[in-house]
């Protein structure tokens, strides 16, 4: 499955009975899938169809589906006789029905009114909704491709930063030993063994080889993830959190200005990637 953004917009229109009927869909970021359906007639028969199709097509995102002008189509409104009979029987059985039921008594009962469209109108409106949802899918995939290009560019830059730091690290340790030897040789009370021991402790304290290995691993995992055929957003966010943690630890450990600057650049890139990951399904 290609990378898919959670943000997108689509609008599909059709002309029926002299009216422009439209289905407009907006999609924004969300940790979960939340689909809402809006229409002037909240009891219309298309809500279940729209919600079920959207849940099949998407796994994350806050999606709002709006059907406009549907109420202008010629429709037949009737009373649900089965529900009305059941209501009468229930009221009579509980000795609550002492007079005729008026419109005001039943108007607010859910499902009491049945709104029927002509069969061909139903299929046309469903096709309208289907087109709008598929157009939204295309829009999210299009933005997902753009996001993937951005992520790959930043991923490449991060890999170069990691490689540069890795090349500089051995020389850094060598300079630390030289610096400590020079410092301690001025103090005659230290033996060579003590100097080497102190140098070893200092190197261990500031060693970044473990962080470099983890950064390399997480970068490889990000690259593999982008090739897999499933949703990427949550997993990518976790990997970037781990990358940021390792880069933060590395920047704290090093005392070399050049490496510290590279680590800061890496942190900025990872933060930018995390912002992009928030948009991915």
Protein backbone atom coordinates (compact mmCIF):
# COMPACT_ATOMS: atom_id res chain seq x y z
CA UNK A 1 0.00 0.00 0.00
CA UNK A 2 1.45 3.40 -0.95
CA UNK A 3 1.91 6.05 1.70
CA UNK A 4 -1.45 7.73 2.38
CA UNK A 5 -2.06 11.12 3.95
CA UNK A 6 -4.93 11.63 6.38
CA UNK A 7 -5.73 15.07 4.97
CA UNK A 8 -7.75 15.51 1.82
CA UNK A 9 -10.85 16.95 0.20
CA UNK A 10 -13.28 15.81 -2.48
CA UNK A 11 -16.55 17.05 -3.94
CA UNK A 12 -18.74 15.09 -6.32
CA UNK A 13 -21.87 16.59 -7.93
CA UNK A 14 -24.86 15.38 -9.91
CA UNK A 15 -27.95 17.05 -11.44
CA UNK A 16 -31.33 15.50 -10.49
CA UNK A 17 -34.87 16.88 -10.83
CA UNK A 18 -33.52 20.35 -11.61
CA UNK A 19 -31.24 20.38 -8.54
CA UNK A 20 -27.49 20.15 -8.03
CA UNK A 21 -26.91 17.37 -5.48
CA UNK A 22 -23.41 17.29 -4.02
CA UNK A 23 -21.37 15.09 -1.71
CA UNK A 24 -18.50 16.97 -0.10
CA UNK A 25 -15.91 15.20 2.06
CA UNK A 26 -13.18 16.67 4.24
CA UNK A 27 -10.52 14.62 5.98
CA UNK A 28 -8.03 15.78 8.64
CA UNK A 29 -5.55 14.16 11.01
CA UNK A 30 -6.69 11.93 13.85
CA UNK A 31 -5.18 9.13 15.93
CA UNK A 32 -8.21 7.00 15.09
CA UNK A 33 -10.93 6.76 12.44
CA UNK A 34 -13.89 9.04 13.11
CA UNK A 35 -16.49 9.35 10.33
CA UNK A 36 -19.42 11.76 10.53
CA UNK A 37 -22.30 12.11 8.08
CA UNK A 38 -24.21 15.38 7.67
CA UNK A 39 -27.41 16.08 5.71
CA UNK A 40 -30.46 18.28 6.18
CA UNK A 41 -32.54 15.14 6.50
CA UNK A 42 -30.71 13.22 9.21
CA UNK A 43 -32.90 10.10 8.73
CA UNK A 44 -32.07 9.64 5.05
CA UNK A 45 -31.22 6.19 3.81
CA UNK A 46 -27.69 6.98 2.66
CA UNK A 47 -25.94 7.49 6.00
CA UNK A 48 -25.29 3.78 6.66
CA UNK A 49 -24.04 3.31 3.10
CA UNK A 50 -21.60 6.25 3.36
CA UNK A 51 -20.27 5.29 6.81
CA UNK A 52 -19.74 1.62 5.91
CA UNK A 53 -17.88 2.46 2.70
CA UNK A 54 -15.66 5.04 4.41
CA UNK A 55 -14.72 2.54 7.15
CA UNK A 56 -13.71 0.01 4.48
CA UNK A 57 -11.57 2.57 2.61
CA UNK A 58 -9.77 4.28 5.51
CA UNK A 59 -8.18 3.26 8.80
CA UNK A 60 -7.38 6.68 10.34
CA UNK A 61 -8.55 10.26 10.02
CA UNK A 62 -11.37 12.56 11.06
CA UNK A 63 -13.72 12.40 8.06
CA UNK A 64 -16.83 14.52 7.51
CA UNK A 65 -19.23 13.55 4.71
CA UNK A 66 -21.80 16.19 3.77
CA UNK A 67 -24.69 15.45 1.41
CA UNK A 68 -26.30 18.70 0.21
CA UNK A 69 -29.65 19.45 -1.47
CA UNK A 70 -30.85 15.86 -1.19
CA UNK A 71 -34.03 17.17 0.47
CA UNK A 72 -35.00 18.93 -2.77
CA UNK A 73 -35.51 15.65 -4.64
CA UNK A 74 -39.13 14.57 -4.97
CA UNK A 75 -39.73 11.93 -2.29
CA UNK A 76 -42.62 10.06 -0.75
CA UNK A 77 -43.07 10.37 3.00
CA UNK A 78 -45.16 7.75 4.81
CA UNK A 79 -45.75 6.57 8.36
CA UNK A 80 -44.09 3.35 9.51
CA UNK A 81 -47.27 1.32 10.05
CA UNK A 82 -45.46 -1.57 11.76
CA UNK A 83 -43.93 0.75 14.32
CA UNK A 84 -47.22 2.60 14.81
CA UNK A 85 -49.15 -0.64 15.46
CA UNK A 86 -46.48 -1.77 17.93
CA UNK A 87 -46.73 1.59 19.71
CA UNK A 88 -50.52 1.39 19.92
CA UNK A 89 -50.38 -2.15 21.30
CA UNK A 90 -47.77 -1.18 23.92
CA UNK A 91 -49.77 1.86 25.07
CA UNK A 92 -53.02 -0.10 25.16
CA UNK A 93 -51.39 -2.95 27.07
CA UNK A 94 -50.18 -0.50 29.70
CA UNK A 95 -53.56 1.28 29.77
CA UNK A 96 -51.97 4.50 28.52
CA UNK A 97 -54.02 4.85 25.33
CA UNK A 98 -57.29 6.60 26.21
CA UNK A 99 -57.68 8.71 23.07
CA UNK A 100 -56.59 8.96 19.45
CA UNK A 101 -52.92 9.58 18.72
CA UNK A 102 -52.21 12.98 17.17
CA UNK A 103 -49.33 14.05 14.95
CA UNK A 104 -47.72 15.86 17.88
CA UNK A 105 -47.72 12.58 19.85
CA UNK A 106 -45.67 10.65 17.29
CA UNK A 107 -43.61 13.24 15.36
CA UNK A 108 -40.48 12.85 17.50
CA UNK A 109 -40.40 9.04 17.58
CA UNK A 110 -37.24 7.81 15.76
CA UNK A 111 -38.09 5.92 12.56
CA UNK A 112 -41.81 6.73 12.61
CA UNK A 113 -41.58 8.41 9.20
CA UNK A 114 -40.31 6.54 6.17
CA UNK A 115 -38.78 8.60 3.36
CA UNK A 116 -38.79 6.79 0.04
CA UNK A 117 -36.92 7.90 -3.05
CA UNK A 118 -37.47 6.41 -6.46
CA UNK A 119 -35.25 3.32 -6.90
CA UNK A 120 -33.19 4.91 -9.67
CA UNK A 121 -32.64 7.99 -7.47
CA UNK A 122 -31.29 5.80 -4.67
CA UNK A 123 -28.70 4.14 -6.91
CA UNK A 124 -27.68 7.52 -8.38
CA UNK A 125 -27.12 9.10 -4.94
CA UNK A 126 -25.19 6.04 -3.75
CA UNK A 127 -23.00 6.31 -6.84
CA UNK A 128 -22.46 9.99 -6.03
CA UNK A 129 -21.30 9.14 -2.50
CA UNK A 130 -19.15 6.29 -3.80
CA UNK A 131 -17.43 8.63 -6.29
CA UNK A 132 -16.76 11.25 -3.60
CA UNK A 133 -15.22 8.68 -1.23
CA UNK A 134 -12.99 7.24 -3.97
CA UNK A 135 -11.95 10.76 -4.99
CA UNK A 136 -10.99 11.42 -1.37
CA UNK A 137 -8.92 8.22 -1.40
CA UNK A 138 -7.11 9.42 -4.54
CA UNK A 139 -6.50 12.84 -2.97
CA UNK A 140 -5.05 11.29 0.19
CA UNK A 141 -2.82 8.98 -1.85
CA UNK A 142 -1.60 11.89 -3.98
CA UNK A 143 -0.60 13.85 -0.90
CA UNK A 144 0.90 10.66 0.53
CA UNK A 145 3.24 10.38 -2.46
CA UNK A 146 4.37 13.97 -1.88
CA UNK A 147 4.96 13.21 1.80
CA UNK A 148 6.99 10.13 0.92
CA UNK A 149 9.31 12.19 -1.31
CA UNK A 150 9.86 14.69 1.53
CA UNK A 151 10.51 11.89 4.04
CA UNK A 152 13.02 10.15 1.77
CA UNK A 153 14.98 13.39 1.23
CA UNK A 154 15.17 14.06 4.97
CA UNK A 155 15.98 10.39 5.63
CA UNK A 156 18.94 10.65 3.22
CA UNK A 157 20.20 13.78 5.00
CA UNK A 158 19.94 12.03 8.37
CA UNK A 159 21.90 9.05 7.05
CA UNK A 160 24.66 11.43 5.87
CA UNK A 161 24.77 13.12 9.29
CA UNK A 162 25.07 9.73 10.97
CA UNK A 163 27.87 8.74 8.58
CA UNK A 164 29.77 12.00 9.18
CA UNK A 165 29.57 11.61 12.97
CA UNK A 166 30.63 7.98 12.70
CA UNK A 167 33.77 8.95 10.76
CA UNK A 168 34.69 11.65 13.26
CA UNK A 169 34.13 9.54 16.41
CA UNK A 170 37.43 7.49 16.39
CA UNK A 171 39.53 10.64 15.97
CA UNK A 172 37.56 12.24 18.78
CA UNK A 173 38.53 9.45 21.20
CA UNK A 174 42.17 9.70 20.13
CA UNK A 175 42.21 13.42 20.85
CA UNK A 176 40.61 12.83 24.25
CA UNK A 177 43.42 10.45 25.23
CA UNK A 178 46.09 12.90 24.03
CA UNK A 179 44.45 15.75 25.90
CA UNK A 180 44.21 13.78 29.13
CA UNK A 181 47.83 12.57 28.87
CA UNK A 182 49.02 16.12 28.35
CA UNK A 183 47.00 17.29 31.33
CA UNK A 184 48.07 14.53 33.69
CA UNK A 185 51.77 14.51 32.78
CA UNK A 186 51.95 17.96 34.32
CA UNK A 187 50.93 16.39 37.59
CA UNK A 188 53.78 14.06 38.61
CA UNK A 189 51.71 12.13 41.17
CA UNK A 190 49.91 10.19 38.38
CA UNK A 191 51.41 7.03 36.93
CA UNK A 192 50.97 5.99 33.30
CA UNK A 193 48.55 3.25 34.38
CA UNK A 194 46.41 5.75 36.28
CA UNK A 195 46.41 8.12 33.33
CA UNK A 196 45.30 5.33 30.96
CA UNK A 197 42.62 4.22 33.43
CA UNK A 198 41.24 7.74 33.72
CA UNK A 199 41.35 8.15 29.95
CA UNK A 200 39.45 4.88 29.49
CA UNK A 201 36.74 5.96 31.94
CA UNK A 202 36.44 9.30 30.19
CA UNK A 203 36.10 7.65 26.77
CA UNK A 204 33.48 5.19 28.06
CA UNK A 205 31.49 8.05 29.57
CA UNK A 206 31.49 9.97 26.26
CA UNK A 207 31.39 6.99 23.89
CA UNK A 208 28.67 7.35 21.22
CA UNK A 209 29.16 4.11 19.30
CA UNK A 210 26.02 2.57 20.82
CA UNK A 211 23.90 5.59 19.86
CA UNK A 212 25.31 5.49 16.32
CA UNK A 213 24.40 1.81 15.99
CA UNK A 214 20.83 2.45 17.18
CA UNK A 215 20.43 5.46 14.89
CA UNK A 216 21.58 3.31 11.97
CA UNK A 217 19.12 0.56 12.93
CA UNK A 218 16.15 2.95 13.23
CA UNK A 219 17.02 4.63 9.91
CA UNK A 220 17.03 1.23 8.22
CA UNK A 221 13.68 0.38 9.81
CA UNK A 222 12.16 3.64 8.53
CA UNK A 223 13.40 2.85 5.01
CA UNK A 224 11.97 -0.69 5.18
CA UNK A 225 8.65 0.60 6.51
CA UNK A 226 8.17 2.91 3.54
CA UNK A 227 8.34 -0.13 1.23
CA UNK A 228 5.81 -2.27 3.11
CA UNK A 229 2.21 -2.64 1.96
CA UNK A 230 0.33 -1.55 5.06
CA UNK A 231 -0.51 1.59 7.02
CA UNK A 232 2.62 3.41 8.15
CA UNK A 233 1.71 6.35 10.40
CA UNK A 234 1.76 4.89 13.92
CA UNK A 235 4.83 2.71 13.37
CA UNK A 236 6.71 5.57 11.71
CA UNK A 237 5.95 7.90 14.62
CA UNK A 238 7.34 5.35 17.12
CA UNK A 239 10.55 4.89 15.09
CA UNK A 240 11.06 8.65 14.88
CA UNK A 241 10.58 8.99 18.63
CA UNK A 242 13.34 6.44 19.14
CA UNK A 243 15.57 8.21 16.61
CA UNK A 244 15.09 11.51 18.41
CA UNK A 245 15.92 9.97 21.76
CA UNK A 246 19.19 8.50 20.47
CA UNK A 247 20.17 11.75 18.75
CA UNK A 248 19.46 13.70 21.95
CA UNK A 249 21.63 11.32 23.98
CA UNK A 250 24.42 11.58 21.42
CA UNK A 251 24.38 15.39 21.43
CA UNK A 252 24.64 15.43 25.24
CA UNK A 253 27.60 13.03 25.28
CA UNK A 254 29.81 14.79 22.72
CA UNK A 255 31.96 17.82 23.53
CA UNK A 256 33.19 18.38 19.99
CA UNK A 257 31.61 21.48 18.42
CA UNK A 258 31.39 20.02 14.89
CA UNK A 259 29.74 16.78 16.04
CA UNK A 260 27.40 18.66 18.37
CA UNK A 261 26.30 20.86 15.47
CA UNK A 262 25.68 17.79 13.30
CA UNK A 263 23.64 16.23 16.12
CA UNK A 264 21.54 19.38 16.44
CA UNK A 265 20.94 19.38 12.68
CA UNK A 266 19.88 15.74 13.00
CA UNK A 267 17.43 16.57 15.80
CA UNK A 268 15.86 19.31 13.68
CA UNK A 269 15.43 16.91 10.75
CA UNK A 270 13.84 14.27 12.99
CA UNK A 271 11.41 16.84 14.44
CA UNK A 272 10.46 17.86 10.90
CA UNK A 273 9.91 14.20 10.01
CA UNK A 274 7.69 13.73 13.06
CA UNK A 275 5.53 16.62 11.88
CA UNK A 276 5.16 14.90 8.49
CA UNK A 277 4.41 11.56 10.15
CA UNK A 278 1.40 13.14 11.94
CA UNK A 279 -0.25 13.41 8.51
CA UNK A 280 0.20 9.77 7.53
CA UNK A 281 -2.50 7.10 7.89
